[in-house]
């Protein structure tokens, strides 16, 4: 049988020091700030992979480790009706896996664990999304990996934290964190509605991205890594913002209000134009409301002069505005409101969204023009270089041989590991 030994720490330290030097030499401009760093992603679905793609967009090499016992990340199979199933790269999989290398390993085997230890020993970051206790069973937990690599930043996502063994699922956490209860049409007969994206996963990913970058910054000063973690439930609750503080301060439980805002009016409210198109208003001040009425040719009624009055008389305010808005085409009204600095916008379907130049700028096409996905990074940097093209999301096991060879595993040993079912290579 082929065996894989873990690298000695002095050799690891020298290798990482050299890679860190290359990182400094190659960091000429964003978004390649992490060029030369290596990330091992032991995560699937959306939260963990979103962190991995984010770090990859910043220049890190991201190795996506996929479970060979389950044929890889489950989102490879999450296809839309009619979507082609040819190469295991669904539209959903494209959401968070651009620029990565796929290595398929059976982590339940001793040889598979040894391979992953070898990869972690030279990594800067490991991203893990196991249920509490599972990483320890597999010997892929922070305590184990830190002994191999003291500089390692171990980024962990759970559903509910270490003390709760439940697995975290976005739809469940949306319900438990209060988002689903608040979301939906107004009225006693309405039903709570799940968000159309996996919002808890994305919020957790944003929390972990920040934690990873801070831990890397700290490592520059101390020379040591650390474990950082977040949970879906806490990422969700921390993002309840004004809805949470309103309840905690007043005791009032937020209810479903459709698109309306509980403490501003008209803010988020929907209206229909003369050409039967939807638009929304985001009037947050009395000055903006006066500007809205001026554009519509309306007087500001006494019961609508201040925001508290408009909130108290929400339905009469919306009813007052509706007929006047109906006399404008959407384009004409939005142009007139913009000229008066009154916030408003079109309600866009997805095909309309990607006609917006700012949205198009986030679409990634690969070096050969193949669609890669949408960028995780939506920030801009002064004097930064243009973001280089990224490779499309990998096929399952596409880079197994390449990554293991770079880790020092001899070709004959890789062949033996394939025959033993420890690793899988794409054909």
Protein backbone atom coordinates (compact mmCIF):
# COMPACT_ATOMS: atom_id res chain seq x y z
CA UNK A 1 0.00 0.00 0.00
CA UNK A 2 1.07 3.56 -0.62
CA UNK A 3 1.73 5.58 2.51
CA UNK A 4 1.94 9.34 2.90
CA UNK A 5 4.02 10.95 5.61
CA UNK A 6 3.48 14.41 7.06
CA UNK A 7 6.20 16.96 6.37
CA UNK A 8 8.63 17.89 9.14
CA UNK A 9 7.90 21.29 10.69
CA UNK A 10 11.36 22.87 9.99
CA UNK A 11 10.89 22.09 6.29
CA UNK A 12 7.34 23.45 6.43
CA UNK A 13 8.53 26.67 8.07
CA UNK A 14 11.16 27.25 5.41
CA UNK A 15 8.67 26.58 2.63
CA UNK A 16 6.10 28.96 4.11
CA UNK A 17 8.68 31.68 4.68
CA UNK A 18 9.66 31.49 1.01
CA UNK A 19 6.03 31.58 -0.04
CA UNK A 20 5.44 34.58 2.23
CA UNK A 21 8.32 36.36 0.53
CA UNK A 22 6.76 35.64 -2.87
CA UNK A 23 3.50 37.01 -1.48
CA UNK A 24 5.15 40.33 -0.69
CA UNK A 25 6.88 40.48 -4.05
CA UNK A 26 3.66 39.74 -5.95
CA UNK A 27 1.36 42.04 -3.97
CA UNK A 28 1.69 44.95 -6.40
CA UNK A 29 -2.00 45.80 -6.30
CA UNK A 30 -5.39 44.51 -5.28
CA UNK A 31 -7.07 42.18 -5.55
CA UNK A 32 -3.94 39.98 -5.43
CA UNK A 33 -3.10 40.86 -1.82
CA UNK A 34 -2.91 37.17 -0.83
CA UNK A 35 -0.80 36.01 -3.77
CA UNK A 36 1.47 33.18 -2.64
CA UNK A 37 -0.83 32.01 0.14
CA UNK A 38 -2.41 28.58 0.17
CA UNK A 39 -5.94 27.75 1.33
CA UNK A 40 -7.29 24.23 1.92
CA UNK A 41 -11.07 24.15 1.80
CA UNK A 42 -12.69 21.33 3.78
CA UNK A 43 -16.19 22.69 3.18
CA UNK A 44 -19.11 22.33 0.82
CA UNK A 45 -22.37 23.98 -0.28
CA UNK A 46 -22.17 27.80 0.07
CA UNK A 47 -20.87 29.32 3.31
CA UNK A 48 -17.38 27.79 3.41
CA UNK A 49 -16.88 27.78 -0.36
CA UNK A 50 -17.82 31.49 -0.47
CA UNK A 51 -14.93 32.20 1.89
CA UNK A 52 -12.65 30.08 -0.28
CA UNK A 53 -13.55 31.89 -3.49
CA UNK A 54 -13.15 35.26 -1.75
CA UNK A 55 -9.61 34.39 -0.67
CA UNK A 56 -8.92 33.08 -4.18
CA UNK A 57 -10.03 36.35 -5.71
CA UNK A 58 -7.49 38.04 -3.44
CA UNK A 59 -4.78 35.90 -5.02
CA UNK A 60 -4.56 32.83 -2.77
CA UNK A 61 -4.29 29.32 -4.22
CA UNK A 62 -7.42 27.48 -3.07
CA UNK A 63 -7.47 23.68 -2.97
CA UNK A 64 -11.04 22.39 -2.65
CA UNK A 65 -10.99 18.99 -0.94
CA UNK A 66 -14.04 16.95 -1.98
CA UNK A 67 -15.32 13.78 -0.36
CA UNK A 68 -14.72 10.89 -2.75
CA UNK A 69 -17.29 8.76 -0.89
CA UNK A 70 -20.08 11.16 -1.93
CA UNK A 71 -18.68 12.18 -5.33
CA UNK A 72 -17.85 15.66 -4.11
CA UNK A 73 -19.71 18.81 -3.20
CA UNK A 74 -23.45 18.10 -3.21
CA UNK A 75 -24.17 21.37 -5.03
CA UNK A 76 -22.66 19.82 -8.14
CA UNK A 77 -26.01 18.00 -8.43
CA UNK A 78 -28.27 20.96 -7.52
CA UNK A 79 -29.43 21.66 -11.05
CA UNK A 80 -32.33 23.70 -12.36
CA UNK A 81 -35.01 21.88 -14.36
CA UNK A 82 -33.58 21.35 -17.84
CA UNK A 83 -30.02 22.26 -16.82
CA UNK A 84 -27.40 20.03 -18.42
CA UNK A 85 -25.73 17.50 -16.12
CA UNK A 86 -22.73 16.86 -18.34
CA UNK A 87 -19.69 17.70 -16.19
CA UNK A 88 -20.96 18.02 -12.61
CA UNK A 89 -20.66 21.80 -12.52
CA UNK A 90 -24.16 23.11 -11.90
CA UNK A 91 -25.13 26.76 -11.99
CA UNK A 92 -25.33 26.59 -8.19
CA UNK A 93 -21.79 25.20 -7.97
CA UNK A 94 -20.64 28.20 -10.03
CA UNK A 95 -21.82 30.51 -7.23
CA UNK A 96 -18.80 29.94 -4.98
CA UNK A 97 -16.11 27.78 -6.62
CA UNK A 98 -14.33 29.78 -9.30
CA UNK A 99 -10.55 29.69 -9.39
CA UNK A 100 -10.17 26.56 -7.23
CA UNK A 101 -8.39 23.25 -7.65
CA UNK A 102 -10.42 20.11 -6.85
CA UNK A 103 -8.85 17.19 -4.99
CA UNK A 104 -11.05 14.15 -4.30
CA UNK A 105 -10.04 12.29 -1.13
CA UNK A 106 -11.60 9.69 1.15
CA UNK A 107 -11.00 11.35 4.53
CA UNK A 108 -12.40 8.33 6.36
CA UNK A 109 -9.27 6.35 5.49
CA UNK A 110 -5.94 6.65 7.28
CA UNK A 111 -4.12 7.30 4.01
CA UNK A 112 -6.64 9.98 3.09
CA UNK A 113 -6.22 11.74 6.42
CA UNK A 114 -2.44 11.60 5.98
CA UNK A 115 -2.81 13.32 2.61
CA UNK A 116 -4.91 16.06 4.13
CA UNK A 117 -2.41 16.49 6.96
CA UNK A 118 0.26 16.91 4.35
CA UNK A 119 -1.73 19.65 2.61
CA UNK A 120 -2.59 21.41 5.87
CA UNK A 121 1.04 21.35 6.99
CA UNK A 122 1.94 23.88 4.29
CA UNK A 123 -1.32 25.83 4.23
CA UNK A 124 -1.92 29.34 5.45
CA UNK A 125 -5.67 28.83 5.94
CA UNK A 126 -7.91 25.80 6.37
CA UNK A 127 -11.68 26.33 5.99
CA UNK A 128 -13.78 23.66 7.71
CA UNK A 129 -17.54 23.16 8.03
CA UNK A 130 -18.07 20.03 10.08
CA UNK A 131 -20.69 19.28 12.70
CA UNK A 132 -19.22 19.66 16.21
CA UNK A 133 -17.11 16.60 16.95
CA UNK A 134 -16.77 15.34 13.37
CA UNK A 135 -13.48 17.12 12.66
CA UNK A 136 -12.01 15.60 15.82
CA UNK A 137 -13.10 12.12 14.73
CA UNK A 138 -11.39 12.62 11.38
CA UNK A 139 -8.31 14.20 13.03
CA UNK A 140 -8.87 17.34 10.93
CA UNK A 141 -9.58 19.63 13.90
CA UNK A 142 -7.57 22.70 14.82
CA UNK A 143 -5.70 21.08 17.72
CA UNK A 144 -4.43 18.30 15.46
CA UNK A 145 -3.52 20.53 12.55
CA UNK A 146 -1.92 23.22 14.74
CA UNK A 147 0.58 20.63 15.94
CA UNK A 148 1.64 20.18 12.31
CA UNK A 149 1.52 23.87 11.41
CA UNK A 150 1.57 26.49 14.20
CA UNK A 151 1.10 29.30 11.65
CA UNK A 152 -2.19 27.87 10.43
CA UNK A 153 -5.37 29.97 10.51
CA UNK A 154 -8.22 27.49 10.98
CA UNK A 155 -11.55 28.99 9.91
CA UNK A 156 -14.57 27.04 11.13
CA UNK A 157 -18.29 27.32 10.35
CA UNK A 158 -20.92 25.47 12.37
CA UNK A 159 -24.69 25.68 12.54
CA UNK A 160 -24.99 26.62 16.20
CA UNK A 161 -21.50 26.67 17.74
CA UNK A 162 -19.42 24.00 19.42
CA UNK A 163 -21.86 23.37 22.27
CA UNK A 164 -24.76 22.38 20.01
CA UNK A 165 -24.34 19.21 17.91
CA UNK A 166 -27.06 20.08 15.37
CA UNK A 167 -26.06 20.48 11.75
CA UNK A 168 -26.84 23.90 10.30
CA UNK A 169 -29.07 24.29 7.25
CA UNK A 170 -29.77 27.71 5.82
CA UNK A 171 -33.53 27.30 5.44
CA UNK A 172 -33.86 26.05 9.02
CA UNK A 173 -31.74 28.87 10.42
CA UNK A 174 -33.66 31.46 8.40
CA UNK A 175 -36.74 30.23 10.22
CA UNK A 176 -35.14 30.00 13.67
CA UNK A 177 -33.39 33.38 13.49
CA UNK A 178 -36.58 35.31 12.80
CA UNK A 179 -35.95 36.25 9.19
CA UNK A 180 -38.59 33.96 7.75
CA UNK A 181 -41.25 35.06 10.25
CA UNK A 182 -40.76 38.73 9.30
CA UNK A 183 -40.58 38.14 5.56
CA UNK A 184 -43.76 37.91 3.50
CA UNK A 185 -46.89 39.79 2.56
CA UNK A 186 -48.59 41.97 5.14
CA UNK A 187 -51.79 40.78 6.77
CA UNK A 188 -53.00 38.21 9.27
CA UNK A 189 -53.49 35.53 6.61
CA UNK A 190 -50.02 35.78 5.11
CA UNK A 191 -47.39 33.08 5.44
CA UNK A 192 -43.75 33.49 6.48
CA UNK A 193 -41.49 33.34 3.42
CA UNK A 194 -37.95 32.09 3.04
CA UNK A 195 -35.45 34.41 1.39
CA UNK A 196 -34.70 33.45 -2.24
CA UNK A 197 -30.96 33.10 -1.51
CA UNK A 198 -29.18 31.21 1.28
CA UNK A 199 -28.80 34.38 3.31
CA UNK A 200 -27.60 32.71 6.54
CA UNK A 201 -24.79 31.00 4.65
CA UNK A 202 -23.76 34.28 3.06
CA UNK A 203 -23.88 36.21 6.34
CA UNK A 204 -21.77 33.54 8.04
CA UNK A 205 -19.32 33.65 5.15
CA UNK A 206 -18.92 37.42 5.52
CA UNK A 207 -18.26 37.01 9.25
CA UNK A 208 -15.61 34.38 8.58
CA UNK A 209 -13.92 36.36 5.80
CA UNK A 210 -13.34 39.21 8.23
CA UNK A 211 -12.09 36.85 10.93
CA UNK A 212 -9.63 35.16 8.55
CA UNK A 213 -8.15 38.46 7.37
CA UNK A 214 -7.77 39.68 10.95
CA UNK A 215 -6.10 36.41 11.98
CA UNK A 216 -3.66 36.68 9.05
CA UNK A 217 -2.89 40.26 10.06
CA UNK A 218 -2.29 39.13 13.65
CA UNK A 219 -0.03 36.32 12.39
CA UNK A 220 2.20 38.88 10.71
CA UNK A 221 2.92 40.28 14.19
CA UNK A 222 3.01 37.09 16.27
CA UNK A 223 4.10 34.42 13.81
CA UNK A 224 1.29 32.19 15.03
CA UNK A 225 -2.08 31.24 13.62
CA UNK A 226 -5.30 30.67 15.49
CA UNK A 227 -8.75 29.17 15.18
CA UNK A 228 -11.56 31.55 14.19
CA UNK A 229 -15.17 30.47 13.93
CA UNK A 230 -18.71 31.59 13.35
CA UNK A 231 -22.12 29.92 13.32
CA UNK A 232 -25.07 30.34 11.01
CA UNK A 233 -27.39 31.21 13.89
CA UNK A 234 -25.19 33.93 15.36
CA UNK A 235 -24.34 35.38 11.96
CA UNK A 236 -28.08 35.61 11.28
CA UNK A 237 -29.09 37.10 14.62
CA UNK A 238 -26.25 39.64 14.53
CA UNK A 239 -27.68 40.85 11.21
CA UNK A 240 -31.22 41.45 12.47
CA UNK A 241 -30.11 45.06 13.04
CA UNK A 242 -32.98 47.48 13.76
CA UNK A 243 -35.55 44.67 13.91
CA UNK A 244 -33.70 43.09 16.86
CA UNK A 245 -33.04 46.34 18.68
CA UNK A 246 -36.66 47.46 18.19
CA UNK A 247 -37.85 44.31 19.93
CA UNK A 248 -35.21 44.39 22.69
CA UNK A 249 -35.88 48.07 23.45
CA UNK A 250 -39.67 48.22 23.11
CA UNK A 251 -40.89 44.63 23.38
CA UNK A 252 -42.76 44.97 20.07
CA UNK A 253 -42.46 41.78 17.98
CA UNK A 254 -41.81 42.68 14.29
CA UNK A 255 -44.56 41.51 11.97
CA UNK A 256 -44.72 40.86 8.25
CA UNK A 257 -45.17 44.11 6.35
CA UNK A 258 -44.54 43.12 2.75
CA UNK A 259 -42.04 45.62 1.36
CA UNK A 260 -42.85 48.40 3.83
CA UNK A 261 -40.45 49.58 6.54
CA UNK A 262 -41.62 49.53 10.18
CA UNK A 263 -40.30 52.98 11.06
CA UNK A 264 -39.96 54.90 7.75
CA UNK A 265 -42.61 55.74 5.16
CA UNK A 266 -42.68 55.50 2.18
CA UNK A 267 -39.55 53.32 2.29
CA UNK A 268 -39.45 50.07 0.30
CA UNK A 269 -43.10 50.50 -0.63
CA UNK A 270 -44.00 49.32 -4.13
CA UNK A 271 -45.90 51.30 -6.74
CA UNK A 272 -46.99 50.70 -10.33
CA UNK A 273 -46.29 53.18 -13.13
CA UNK A 274 -48.41 54.12 -16.14
CA UNK A 275 -46.61 51.50 -18.24
CA UNK A 276 -47.41 48.77 -15.65
CA UNK A 277 -43.87 48.56 -14.26
CA UNK A 278 -42.97 48.23 -10.60
CA UNK A 279 -40.82 50.75 -8.76
CA UNK A 280 -39.90 51.35 -5.14
CA UNK A 281 -39.36 54.49 -3.08
CA UNK A 282 -36.80 54.92 -0.30
CA UNK A 283 -37.86 58.24 1.20
CA UNK A 284 -36.01 58.59 4.49
CA UNK A 285 -36.38 62.29 5.29
CA UNK A 286 -39.02 65.00 5.24
CA UNK A 287 -37.03 66.92 2.64
CA UNK A 288 -37.07 63.92 0.32
CA UNK A 289 -40.81 63.51 0.83
CA UNK A 290 -41.38 67.16 -0.08
CA UNK A 291 -39.28 66.59 -3.22
CA UNK A 292 -41.36 63.52 -4.09
CA UNK A 293 -44.60 65.48 -3.79
CA UNK A 294 -43.16 68.30 -5.89
CA UNK A 295 -42.31 65.87 -8.71
CA UNK A 296 -45.78 64.32 -8.51
CA UNK A 297 -47.51 67.72 -8.44
CA UNK A 298 -48.97 67.07 -4.98
CA UNK A 299 -49.23 69.17 -1.85
CA UNK A 300 -47.73 67.82 1.35
CA UNK A 301 -50.77 67.06 3.47
CA UNK A 302 -50.65 68.03 7.16
CA UNK A 303 -50.90 64.39 8.24
CA UNK A 304 -47.84 63.53 6.11
CA UNK A 305 -45.46 66.39 6.96
CA UNK A 306 -43.09 64.36 9.18
CA UNK A 307 -41.89 60.79 9.09
CA UNK A 308 -43.61 59.84 12.39
CA UNK A 309 -46.88 61.15 10.96
CA UNK A 310 -46.37 59.25 7.71
CA UNK A 311 -45.63 56.03 9.63
CA UNK A 312 -48.75 56.54 11.74
CA UNK A 313 -50.80 57.20 8.57
CA UNK A 314 -48.98 54.75 6.32
CA UNK A 315 -51.95 53.52 4.31
CA UNK A 316 -53.35 56.98 3.64
CA UNK A 317 -49.89 58.16 2.58
CA UNK A 318 -49.46 55.35 0.09
CA UNK A 319 -53.02 55.80 -1.18
CA UNK A 320 -52.35 59.50 -1.68
CA UNK A 321 -49.23 58.85 -3.77
CA UNK A 322 -50.52 55.91 -5.84
CA UNK A 323 -52.74 57.73 -8.40
CA UNK A 324 -50.12 60.38 -9.09
CA UNK A 325 -47.39 57.78 -9.64
CA UNK A 326 -49.75 56.02 -12.05
CA UNK A 327 -49.62 59.05 -14.39
CA UNK A 328 -45.87 58.64 -15.09
CA UNK A 329 -43.99 56.02 -17.03
CA UNK A 330 -41.41 54.38 -14.80
CA UNK A 331 -38.42 55.71 -16.71
CA UNK A 332 -39.78 59.27 -16.73
CA UNK A 333 -40.60 59.21 -13.03
CA UNK A 334 -37.26 57.73 -11.97
CA UNK A 335 -35.42 60.36 -14.01
CA UNK A 336 -37.45 63.17 -12.45
CA UNK A 337 -36.94 61.83 -8.93
CA UNK A 338 -33.21 61.45 -9.46
CA UNK A 339 -33.04 65.09 -10.58
CA UNK A 340 -34.66 66.03 -7.24
CA UNK A 341 -32.39 63.67 -5.22
CA UNK A 342 -35.35 61.53 -4.19
CA UNK A 343 -34.28 57.87 -3.79
CA UNK A 344 -36.22 55.48 -6.04
CA UNK A 345 -35.53 52.53 -8.28
CA UNK A 346 -36.93 49.97 -10.66
CA UNK A 347 -37.90 46.52 -9.40
CA UNK A 348 -35.69 44.41 -11.64
CA UNK A 349 -35.92 40.78 -12.67
CA UNK A 350 -32.59 38.98 -13.02
CA UNK A 351 -32.30 39.65 -16.74
CA UNK A 352 -32.71 43.37 -15.99
CA UNK A 353 -30.14 43.24 -13.18
CA UNK A 354 -27.35 42.16 -15.50
CA UNK A 355 -28.04 45.02 -17.86
CA UNK A 356 -26.74 47.32 -15.11
CA UNK A 357 -23.06 48.18 -15.78
CA UNK A 358 -22.13 47.78 -12.12
CA UNK A 359 -23.63 44.28 -12.10
CA UNK A 360 -21.95 43.30 -15.36
CA UNK A 361 -18.60 44.32 -13.86
CA UNK A 362 -18.92 41.53 -11.28
CA UNK A 363 -19.42 38.75 -13.85
CA UNK A 364 -16.28 36.64 -14.20
CA UNK A 365 -15.24 35.13 -17.48
CA UNK A 366 -12.22 32.83 -17.60
CA UNK A 367 -9.06 33.14 -19.63
CA UNK A 368 -10.72 31.27 -22.48
CA UNK A 369 -13.99 33.19 -22.18
CA UNK A 370 -15.80 30.45 -20.25
CA UNK A 371 -18.28 31.69 -17.63
CA UNK A 372 -16.82 31.42 -14.12
CA UNK A 373 -19.40 33.00 -11.81
CA UNK A 374 -19.95 36.27 -9.97
CA UNK A 375 -17.21 37.92 -7.94
CA UNK A 376 -17.34 37.72 -4.14
CA UNK A 377 -15.35 40.95 -3.92
CA UNK A 378 -17.48 44.02 -4.55
CA UNK A 379 -15.03 46.56 -3.12
CA UNK A 380 -12.69 48.84 -5.06
CA UNK A 381 -9.15 49.95 -4.23
CA UNK A 382 -7.31 53.08 -5.30
CA UNK A 383 -4.39 52.50 -7.67
CA UNK A 384 -5.25 48.82 -7.88
CA UNK A 385 -4.52 46.60 -10.85
CA UNK A 386 -7.38 45.14 -12.82
CA UNK A 387 -8.47 41.78 -11.41
CA UNK A 388 -6.92 38.98 -13.48
CA UNK A 389 -9.14 36.33 -15.08
CA UNK A 390 -9.95 33.32 -12.92
CA UNK A 391 -10.28 29.71 -13.95
CA UNK A 392 -13.82 28.29 -14.06
CA UNK A 393 -15.05 26.07 -11.20
CA UNK A 394 -13.15 22.78 -11.28
CA UNK A 395 -14.44 19.42 -12.39
CA UNK A 396 -14.64 16.85 -9.64
CA UNK A 397 -11.12 15.58 -8.87
CA UNK A 398 -9.70 17.58 -11.77
CA UNK A 399 -6.50 18.54 -9.93
CA UNK A 400 -5.94 15.53 -7.67
CA UNK A 401 -2.74 14.42 -9.41
CA UNK A 402 -1.41 17.95 -9.80
CA UNK A 403 -1.93 18.97 -6.17
CA UNK A 404 -0.59 15.73 -4.71
CA UNK A 405 2.47 15.87 -6.95
CA UNK A 406 3.14 19.44 -5.85
CA UNK A 407 2.85 18.20 -2.25
CA UNK A 408 5.65 15.74 -2.94
CA UNK A 409 3.67 12.52 -3.40
CA UNK A 410 5.48 10.33 -5.99
CA UNK A 411 3.52 9.43 -9.16
CA UNK A 412 3.61 5.72 -8.32
CA UNK A 413 2.12 6.39 -4.89
CA UNK A 414 -0.64 8.48 -6.45
CA UNK A 415 -1.47 5.60 -8.80
CA UNK A 416 -1.62 3.22 -5.84
CA UNK A 417 -3.89 5.62 -3.91
CA UNK A 418 -6.22 5.75 -6.90
CA UNK A 419 -6.37 1.96 -7.08
CA UNK A 420 -7.06 1.74 -3.34
CA UNK A 421 -9.94 4.25 -3.68
CA UNK A 422 -8.27 6.75 -1.37
CA UNK A 423 -8.28 9.46 -4.04
CA UNK A 424 -10.18 10.00 -7.27
CA UNK A 425 -8.91 11.66 -10.42
CA UNK A 426 -11.10 13.03 -13.19
CA UNK A 427 -10.85 11.38 -16.56
